[in-house]
Amino acid sequence: MEDMPRKLKPHIAVITFRIDVRPINSDNTLDWHILRNADLKKYNLSEKGQVIIKGANEAECVKKVQEMMEKI
């Protein structure tokens, strides 16, 4: 596999994200209070998350990332 071009090798994408859940004020502005891990725990969530996407090659990995982002 060492002689294989880089784009043909298996690839992995790591997408890291943060979740902010906060109230909306009556004037449609966002409240300053953000739910923290302790608050989110009762919903089985946390403030941060990570998604790992694997592909057999560069193109497949990127395509899977694009498809996931479109769904979001």
PDB file of N, CA and C in Angstrom:
ATOM      1  N   MET A   1       0.816  -1.198   0.000  1.00  0.00           N
ATOM      2  CA  MET A   1       0.000   0.000   0.000  1.00  0.00           C
ATOM      3  C   MET A   1       0.862   1.265   0.000  1.00  0.00           C
ATOM      4  N   GLU A   2       2.129   1.162   0.367  1.00  0.00           N
ATOM      5  CA  GLU A   2       3.019   2.323   0.399  1.00  0.00           C
ATOM      6  C   GLU A   2       3.256   2.889  -0.999  1.00  0.00           C
ATOM      7  N   ASP A   3       3.244   2.025  -2.039  1.00  0.00           N
ATOM      8  CA  ASP A   3       3.491   2.485  -3.407  1.00  0.00           C
ATOM      9  C   ASP A   3       2.249   3.118  -4.027  1.00  0.00           C
ATOM     10  N   MET A   4       1.108   2.958  -3.388  1.00  0.00           N
ATOM     11  CA  MET A   4      -0.150   3.455  -3.905  1.00  0.00           C
ATOM     12  C   MET A   4      -0.212   4.985  -3.760  1.00  0.00           C
ATOM     13  N   PRO A   5      -0.741   5.687  -4.753  1.00  0.00           N
ATOM     14  CA  PRO A   5      -0.899   7.142  -4.622  1.00  0.00           C
ATOM     15  C   PRO A   5      -1.781   7.498  -3.412  1.00  0.00           C
ATOM     16  N   ARG A   6      -1.474   8.610  -2.778  1.00  0.00           N
ATOM     17  CA  ARG A   6      -2.174   9.020  -1.558  1.00  0.00           C
ATOM     18  C   ARG A   6      -3.686   9.052  -1.732  1.00  0.00           C
ATOM     19  N   LYS A   7      -4.179   9.591  -2.845  1.00  0.00           N
ATOM     20  CA  LYS A   7      -5.626   9.727  -3.013  1.00  0.00           C
ATOM     21  C   LYS A   7      -6.348   8.384  -3.145  1.00  0.00           C
ATOM     22  N   LEU A   8      -5.603   7.317  -3.427  1.00  0.00           N
ATOM     23  CA  LEU A   8      -6.217   5.998  -3.545  1.00  0.00           C
ATOM     24  C   LEU A   8      -6.206   5.215  -2.233  1.00  0.00           C
ATOM     25  N   LYS A   9      -5.479   5.706  -1.247  1.00  0.00           N
ATOM     26  CA  LYS A   9      -5.424   5.038   0.063  1.00  0.00           C
ATOM     27  C   LYS A   9      -6.710   5.307   0.832  1.00  0.00           C
ATOM     28  N   PRO A  10      -7.052   4.454   1.793  1.00  0.00           N
ATOM     29  CA  PRO A  10      -8.214   4.735   2.652  1.00  0.00           C
ATOM     30  C   PRO A  10      -8.042   6.079   3.354  1.00  0.00           C
ATOM     31  N   HIS A  11      -9.142   6.798   3.530  1.00  0.00           N
ATOM     32  CA  HIS A  11      -9.134   8.108   4.180  1.00  0.00           C
ATOM     33  C   HIS A  11     -10.136   8.121   5.329  1.00  0.00           C
ATOM     34  N   ILE A  12      -9.920   9.059   6.243  1.00  0.00           N
ATOM     35  CA  ILE A  12     -10.822   9.265   7.359  1.00  0.00           C
ATOM     36  C   ILE A  12     -11.034  10.764   7.533  1.00  0.00           C
ATOM     37  N   ALA A  13     -12.268  11.150   7.809  1.00  0.00           N
ATOM     38  CA  ALA A  13     -12.597  12.545   8.100  1.00  0.00           C
ATOM     39  C   ALA A  13     -13.072  12.609   9.542  1.00  0.00           C
ATOM     40  N   VAL A  14     -12.567  13.575  10.283  1.00  0.00           N
ATOM     41  CA  VAL A  14     -12.988  13.786  11.664  1.00  0.00           C
ATOM     42  C   VAL A  14     -13.673  15.147  11.722  1.00  0.00           C
ATOM     43  N   ILE A  15     -14.958  15.138  12.037  1.00  0.00           N
ATOM     44  CA  ILE A  15     -15.738  16.373  12.133  1.00  0.00           C
ATOM     45  C   ILE A  15     -16.037  16.601  13.611  1.00  0.00           C
ATOM     46  N   THR A  16     -15.553  17.710  14.138  1.00  0.00           N
ATOM     47  CA  THR A  16     -15.764  18.064  15.537  1.00  0.00           C
ATOM     48  C   THR A  16     -16.721  19.251  15.590  1.00  0.00           C
ATOM     49  N   PHE A  17     -17.699  19.187  16.484  1.00  0.00           N
ATOM     50  CA  PHE A  17     -18.670  20.267  16.559  1.00  0.00           C
ATOM     51  C   PHE A  17     -19.042  20.581  17.999  1.00  0.00           C
ATOM     52  N   ARG A  18     -19.620  21.754  18.193  1.00  0.00           N
ATOM     53  CA  ARG A  18     -20.095  22.198  19.497  1.00  0.00           C
ATOM     54  C   ARG A  18     -21.589  22.463  19.387  1.00  0.00           C
ATOM     55  N   ILE A  19     -22.302  22.097  20.436  1.00  0.00           N
ATOM     56  CA  ILE A  19     -23.743  22.295  20.480  1.00  0.00           C
ATOM     57  C   ILE A  19     -24.055  23.397  21.483  1.00  0.00           C
ATOM     58  N   ASP A  20     -24.692  24.466  21.024  1.00  0.00           N
ATOM     59  CA  ASP A  20     -25.172  25.540  21.895  1.00  0.00           C
ATOM     60  C   ASP A  20     -26.691  25.501  21.870  1.00  0.00           C
ATOM     61  N   VAL A  21     -27.296  25.237  23.005  1.00  0.00           N
ATOM     62  CA  VAL A  21     -28.749  25.291  23.133  1.00  0.00           C
ATOM     63  C   VAL A  21     -29.053  26.451  24.066  1.00  0.00           C
ATOM     64  N   ARG A  22     -29.834  27.408  23.588  1.00  0.00           N
ATOM     65  CA  ARG A  22     -30.130  28.584  24.407  1.00  0.00           C
ATOM     66  C   ARG A  22     -31.532  29.098  24.124  1.00  0.00           C
ATOM     67  N   PRO A  23     -32.108  29.801  25.083  1.00  0.00           N
ATOM     68  CA  PRO A  23     -33.446  30.365  24.890  1.00  0.00           C
ATOM     69  C   PRO A  23     -33.429  31.506  23.870  1.00  0.00           C
ATOM     70  N   ILE A  24     -34.596  31.734  23.259  1.00  0.00           N
ATOM     71  CA  ILE A  24     -34.791  32.867  22.361  1.00  0.00           C
ATOM     72  C   ILE A  24     -35.654  33.881  23.107  1.00  0.00           C
ATOM     73  N   ASN A  25     -35.190  35.107  23.174  1.00  0.00           N
ATOM     74  CA  ASN A  25     -35.925  36.174  23.855  1.00  0.00           C
ATOM     75  C   ASN A  25     -37.128  36.615  23.024  1.00  0.00           C
ATOM     76  N   SER A  26     -38.030  37.363  23.640  1.00  0.00           N
ATOM     77  CA  SER A  26     -39.255  37.804  22.964  1.00  0.00           C
ATOM     78  C   SER A  26     -38.966  38.697  21.754  1.00  0.00           C
ATOM     79  N   ASP A  27     -37.776  39.343  21.734  1.00  0.00           N
ATOM     80  CA  ASP A  27     -37.406  40.174  20.574  1.00  0.00           C
ATOM     81  C   ASP A  27     -36.586  39.393  19.543  1.00  0.00           C
ATOM     82  N   ASN A  28     -36.605  38.074  19.661  1.00  0.00           N
ATOM     83  CA  ASN A  28     -35.914  37.146  18.754  1.00  0.00           C
ATOM     84  C   ASN A  28     -34.395  37.174  18.857  1.00  0.00           C
ATOM     85  N   THR A  29     -33.845  37.803  19.887  1.00  0.00           N
ATOM     86  CA  THR A  29     -32.405  37.721  20.131  1.00  0.00           C
ATOM     87  C   THR A  29     -32.141  36.472  20.964  1.00  0.00           C
ATOM     88  N   LEU A  30     -30.913  36.022  20.923  1.00  0.00           N
ATOM     89  CA  LEU A  30     -30.545  34.840  21.702  1.00  0.00           C
ATOM     90  C   LEU A  30     -30.190  35.241  23.128  1.00  0.00           C
ATOM     91  N   ASP A  31     -30.690  34.477  24.067  1.00  0.00           N
ATOM     92  CA  ASP A  31     -30.375  34.698  25.470  1.00  0.00           C
ATOM     93  C   ASP A  31     -28.901  34.396  25.707  1.00  0.00           C
ATOM     94  N   TRP A  32     -28.323  34.991  26.702  1.00  0.00           N
ATOM     95  CA  TRP A  32     -26.906  34.779  27.020  1.00  0.00           C
ATOM     96  C   TRP A  32     -26.655  33.397  27.612  1.00  0.00           C
ATOM     97  N   HIS A  33     -27.677  32.798  28.199  1.00  0.00           N
ATOM     98  CA  HIS A  33     -27.515  31.510  28.888  1.00  0.00           C
ATOM     99  C   HIS A  33     -27.441  30.357  27.886  1.00  0.00           C
ATOM    100  N   ILE A  34     -26.374  29.587  27.965  1.00  0.00           N
ATOM    101  CA  ILE A  34     -26.199  28.403  27.120  1.00  0.00           C
ATOM    102  C   ILE A  34     -26.278  27.183  28.022  1.00  0.00           C
ATOM    103  N   LEU A  35     -27.065  26.191  27.625  1.00  0.00           N
ATOM    104  CA  LEU A  35     -27.143  24.967  28.419  1.00  0.00           C
ATOM    105  C   LEU A  35     -25.775  24.295  28.445  1.00  0.00           C
ATOM    106  N   ARG A  36     -25.320  23.954  29.607  1.00  0.00           N
ATOM    107  CA  ARG A  36     -24.015  23.307  29.790  1.00  0.00           C
ATOM    108  C   ARG A  36     -24.190  21.792  29.881  1.00  0.00           C
ATOM    109  N   ASN A  37     -23.068  21.105  30.000  1.00  0.00           N
ATOM    110  CA  ASN A  37     -23.099  19.645  30.066  1.00  0.00           C
ATOM    111  C   ASN A  37     -24.041  19.136  31.138  1.00  0.00           C
ATOM    112  N   ALA A  38     -24.032  19.773  32.306  1.00  0.00           N
ATOM    113  CA  ALA A  38     -24.901  19.325  33.400  1.00  0.00           C
ATOM    114  C   ALA A  38     -26.371  19.410  32.986  1.00  0.00           C
ATOM    115  N   ASP A  39     -26.729  20.467  32.249  1.00  0.00           N
ATOM    116  CA  ASP A  39     -28.108  20.636  31.785  1.00  0.00           C
ATOM    117  C   ASP A  39     -28.435  19.647  30.665  1.00  0.00           C
ATOM    118  N   LEU A  40     -27.495  19.468  29.755  1.00  0.00           N
ATOM    119  CA  LEU A  40     -27.721  18.602  28.590  1.00  0.00           C
ATOM    120  C   LEU A  40     -27.701  17.122  28.937  1.00  0.00           C
ATOM    121  N   LYS A  41     -27.062  16.781  30.046  1.00  0.00           N
ATOM    122  CA  LYS A  41     -26.918  15.377  30.438  1.00  0.00           C
ATOM    123  C   LYS A  41     -28.272  14.681  30.569  1.00  0.00           C
ATOM    124  N   LYS A  42     -29.282  15.414  31.050  1.00  0.00           N
ATOM    125  CA  LYS A  42     -30.598  14.791  31.212  1.00  0.00           C
ATOM    126  C   LYS A  42     -31.232  14.432  29.868  1.00  0.00           C
ATOM    127  N   TYR A  43     -30.694  14.993  28.766  1.00  0.00           N
ATOM    128  CA  TYR A  43     -31.154  14.657  27.416  1.00  0.00           C
ATOM    129  C   TYR A  43     -30.183  13.708  26.706  1.00  0.00           C
ATOM    130  N   ASN A  44     -29.208  13.203  27.467  1.00  0.00           N
ATOM    131  CA  ASN A  44     -28.165  12.320  26.911  1.00  0.00           C
ATOM    132  C   ASN A  44     -27.357  12.997  25.808  1.00  0.00           C
ATOM    133  N   LEU A  45     -27.094  14.293  25.987  1.00  0.00           N
ATOM    134  CA  LEU A  45     -26.261  15.064  25.068  1.00  0.00           C
ATOM    135  C   LEU A  45     -25.110  15.683  25.844  1.00  0.00           C
ATOM    136  N   SER A  46     -24.127  16.180  25.107  1.00  0.00           N
ATOM    137  CA  SER A  46     -23.061  16.966  25.707  1.00  0.00           C
ATOM    138  C   SER A  46     -22.789  18.163  24.804  1.00  0.00           C
ATOM    139  N   GLU A  47     -21.949  19.085  25.270  1.00  0.00           N
ATOM    140  CA  GLU A  47     -21.674  20.321  24.534  1.00  0.00           C
ATOM    141  C   GLU A  47     -20.880  20.083  23.254  1.00  0.00           C
ATOM    142  N   LYS A  48     -20.130  19.014  23.214  1.00  0.00           N
ATOM    143  CA  LYS A  48     -19.265  18.756  22.062  1.00  0.00           C
ATOM    144  C   LYS A  48     -19.528  17.371  21.501  1.00  0.00           C
ATOM    145  N   GLY A  49     -19.246  17.231  20.227  1.00  0.00           N
ATOM    146  CA  GLY A  49     -19.416  15.938  19.590  1.00  0.00           C
ATOM    147  C   GLY A  49     -18.401  15.748  18.483  1.00  0.00           C
ATOM    148  N   GLN A  50     -18.294  14.522  18.045  1.00  0.00           N
ATOM    149  CA  GLN A  50     -17.351  14.204  16.986  1.00  0.00           C
ATOM    150  C   GLN A  50     -17.948  13.101  16.131  1.00  0.00           C
ATOM    151  N   VAL A  51     -17.780  13.238  14.832  1.00  0.00           N
ATOM    152  CA  VAL A  51     -18.234  12.239  13.875  1.00  0.00           C
ATOM    153  C   VAL A  51     -17.020  11.793  13.081  1.00  0.00           C
ATOM    154  N   ILE A  52     -16.886  10.493  12.915  1.00  0.00           N
ATOM    155  CA  ILE A  52     -15.795   9.908  12.138  1.00  0.00           C
ATOM    156  C   ILE A  52     -16.400   9.306  10.868  1.00  0.00           C
ATOM    157  N   ILE A  53     -15.843   9.666   9.730  1.00  0.00           N
ATOM    158  CA  ILE A  53     -16.309   9.138   8.449  1.00  0.00           C
ATOM    159  C   ILE A  53     -15.120   8.501   7.746  1.00  0.00           C
ATOM    160  N   LYS A  54     -15.303   7.265   7.319  1.00  0.00           N
ATOM    161  CA  LYS A  54     -14.232   6.534   6.635  1.00  0.00           C
ATOM    162  C   LYS A  54     -14.615   6.283   5.190  1.00  0.00           C
ATOM    163  N   GLY A  55     -13.607   6.314   4.333  1.00  0.00           N
ATOM    164  CA  GLY A  55     -13.813   6.007   2.929  1.00  0.00           C
ATOM    165  C   GLY A  55     -12.698   5.129   2.406  1.00  0.00           C
ATOM    166  N   ALA A  56     -12.994   4.340   1.403  1.00  0.00           N
ATOM    167  CA  ALA A  56     -12.001   3.443   0.819  1.00  0.00           C
ATOM    168  C   ALA A  56     -10.894   4.224   0.119  1.00  0.00           C
ATOM    169  N   ASN A  57     -11.209   5.483  -0.255  1.00  0.00           N
ATOM    170  CA  ASN A  57     -10.231   6.359  -0.898  1.00  0.00           C
ATOM    171  C   ASN A  57     -10.636   7.807  -0.627  1.00  0.00           C
ATOM    172  N   GLU A  58      -9.828   8.733  -1.103  1.00  0.00           N
ATOM    173  CA  GLU A  58     -10.075  10.156  -0.870  1.00  0.00           C
ATOM    174  C   GLU A  58     -11.450  10.593  -1.372  1.00  0.00           C
ATOM    175  N   ALA A  59     -11.775  10.242  -2.600  1.00  0.00           N
ATOM    176  CA  ALA A  59     -13.032  10.676  -3.218  1.00  0.00           C
ATOM    177  C   ALA A  59     -14.245  10.149  -2.455  1.00  0.00           C
ATOM    178  N   GLU A  60     -14.207   8.890  -2.060  1.00  0.00           N
ATOM    179  CA  GLU A  60     -15.326   8.305  -1.323  1.00  0.00           C
ATOM    180  C   GLU A  60     -15.508   8.981   0.031  1.00  0.00           C
ATOM    181  N   CYS A  61     -14.402   9.250   0.712  1.00  0.00           N
ATOM    182  CA  CYS A  61     -14.459   9.903   2.013  1.00  0.00           C
ATOM    183  C   CYS A  61     -15.070  11.295   1.886  1.00  0.00           C
ATOM    184  N   VAL A  62     -14.597  12.071   0.920  1.00  0.00           N
ATOM    185  CA  VAL A  62     -15.111  13.427   0.718  1.00  0.00           C
ATOM    186  C   VAL A  62     -16.589  13.385   0.328  1.00  0.00           C
ATOM    187  N   LYS A  63     -16.975  12.448  -0.513  1.00  0.00           N
ATOM    188  CA  LYS A  63     -18.379  12.321  -0.924  1.00  0.00           C
ATOM    189  C   LYS A  63     -19.266  12.027   0.278  1.00  0.00           C
ATOM    190  N   LYS A  64     -18.812  11.147   1.174  1.00  0.00           N
ATOM    191  CA  LYS A  64     -19.587  10.833   2.376  1.00  0.00           C
ATOM    192  C   LYS A  64     -19.729  12.060   3.282  1.00  0.00           C
ATOM    193  N   VAL A  65     -18.660  12.858   3.384  1.00  0.00           N
ATOM    194  CA  VAL A  65     -18.735  14.081   4.181  1.00  0.00           C
ATOM    195  C   VAL A  65     -19.744  15.050   3.563  1.00  0.00           C
ATOM    196  N   GLN A  66     -19.683  15.225   2.254  1.00  0.00           N
ATOM    197  CA  GLN A  66     -20.625  16.112   1.563  1.00  0.00           C
ATOM    198  C   GLN A  66     -22.067  15.671   1.778  1.00  0.00           C
ATOM    199  N   GLU A  67     -22.323  14.386   1.669  1.00  0.00           N
ATOM    200  CA  GLU A  67     -23.680  13.853   1.852  1.00  0.00           C
ATOM    201  C   GLU A  67     -24.173  14.092   3.272  1.00  0.00           C
ATOM    202  N   MET A  68     -23.294  13.883   4.252  1.00  0.00           N
ATOM    203  CA  MET A  68     -23.689  14.106   5.631  1.00  0.00           C
ATOM    204  C   MET A  68     -23.996  15.585   5.890  1.00  0.00           C
ATOM    205  N   MET A  69     -23.153  16.465   5.357  1.00  0.00           N
ATOM    206  CA  MET A  69     -23.352  17.897   5.559  1.00  0.00           C
ATOM    207  C   MET A  69     -24.646  18.374   4.884  1.00  0.00           C
ATOM    208  N   GLU A  70     -24.977  17.820   3.740  1.00  0.00           N
ATOM    209  CA  GLU A  70     -26.227  18.181   3.065  1.00  0.00           C
ATOM    210  C   GLU A  70     -27.427  17.778   3.890  1.00  0.00           C
ATOM    211  N   LYS A  71     -27.350  16.630   4.562  1.00  0.00           N
ATOM    212  CA  LYS A  71     -28.451  16.173   5.407  1.00  0.00           C
ATOM    213  C   LYS A  71     -28.626  17.076   6.625  1.00  0.00           C
ATOM    214  N   ILE A  72     -27.522  17.579   7.138  1.00  0.00           N
ATOM    215  CA  ILE A  72     -27.585  18.483   8.299  1.00  0.00           C
ATOM    216  C   ILE A  72     -28.186  19.796   7.863  1.00  0.00           C
TER     217      ILE A  72
END
